[in-house]
Amino acid sequence: MVKKVLTWGGLAFLVFFIAFRPDSAADVFKSLGGGIMDIAQGFGDFFTSLVA
């Protein structure tokens, strides 16, 4: 039950954040995407070095 409430609360906050602060929301998602890309690049470099 708590998980369900937290999930719906998080979703409501996300919609509110995007609706009322779209520029800030875009910056947050750009930062998250950049971080994920950096992690993926690190794994790629690791496996390239491991194989080569």
Protein backbone atom coordinates (compact mmCIF):
# COMPACT_ATOMS: atom_id res chain seq x y z
CA MET A 1 0.00 0.00 0.00
CA VAL A 2 2.81 2.43 0.88
CA LYS A 3 4.61 1.64 -2.38
CA LYS A 4 1.46 2.41 -4.34
CA VAL A 5 0.97 5.75 -2.57
CA LEU A 6 4.61 6.74 -3.10
CA THR A 7 4.45 5.76 -6.77
CA TRP A 8 1.33 7.86 -7.39
CA GLY A 9 2.78 10.73 -5.37
CA GLY A 10 6.00 10.65 -7.39
CA LEU A 11 4.05 10.58 -10.63
CA ALA A 12 1.90 13.52 -9.52
CA PHE A 13 5.01 15.48 -8.55
CA LEU A 14 6.60 14.72 -11.93
CA VAL A 15 3.53 15.95 -13.83
CA PHE A 16 3.35 19.07 -11.62
CA PHE A 17 7.07 19.77 -12.11
CA ILE A 18 6.85 19.41 -15.89
CA ALA A 19 3.65 21.48 -16.14
CA PHE A 20 4.76 24.44 -14.02
CA ARG A 21 8.53 24.46 -14.60
CA PRO A 22 9.17 22.98 -18.04
CA ASP A 23 12.61 24.60 -18.45
CA SER A 24 13.85 23.28 -15.12
CA ALA A 25 12.38 19.85 -15.85
CA ALA A 26 14.18 19.77 -19.20
CA ASP A 27 17.47 20.66 -17.51
CA VAL A 28 17.00 17.87 -14.97
CA PHE A 29 16.32 15.31 -17.69
CA LYS A 30 19.29 16.54 -19.74
CA SER A 31 21.52 16.11 -16.69
CA LEU A 32 20.19 12.61 -16.02
CA GLY A 33 20.62 11.66 -19.66
CA GLY A 34 24.17 13.00 -19.66
CA GLY A 35 25.00 11.00 -16.55
CA ILE A 36 23.61 7.81 -18.06
CA MET A 37 25.60 8.45 -21.24
CA ASP A 38 28.79 8.96 -19.21
CA ILE A 39 28.23 5.66 -17.41
CA ALA A 40 27.58 3.85 -20.69
CA GLN A 41 30.71 5.41 -22.19
CA GLY A 42 32.73 4.25 -19.19
CA PHE A 43 31.47 0.67 -19.55
CA GLY A 44 32.24 0.78 -23.27
CA ASP A 45 35.78 2.04 -22.64
CA PHE A 46 36.29 -0.64 -20.00
CA PHE A 47 35.21 -3.49 -22.25
CA THR A 48 37.21 -2.08 -25.18
CA SER A 49 40.32 -1.97 -23.01
CA LEU A 50 39.58 -5.43 -21.67
CA VAL A 51 39.33 -7.00 -25.12
CA ALA A 52 42.14 -5.05 -26.82
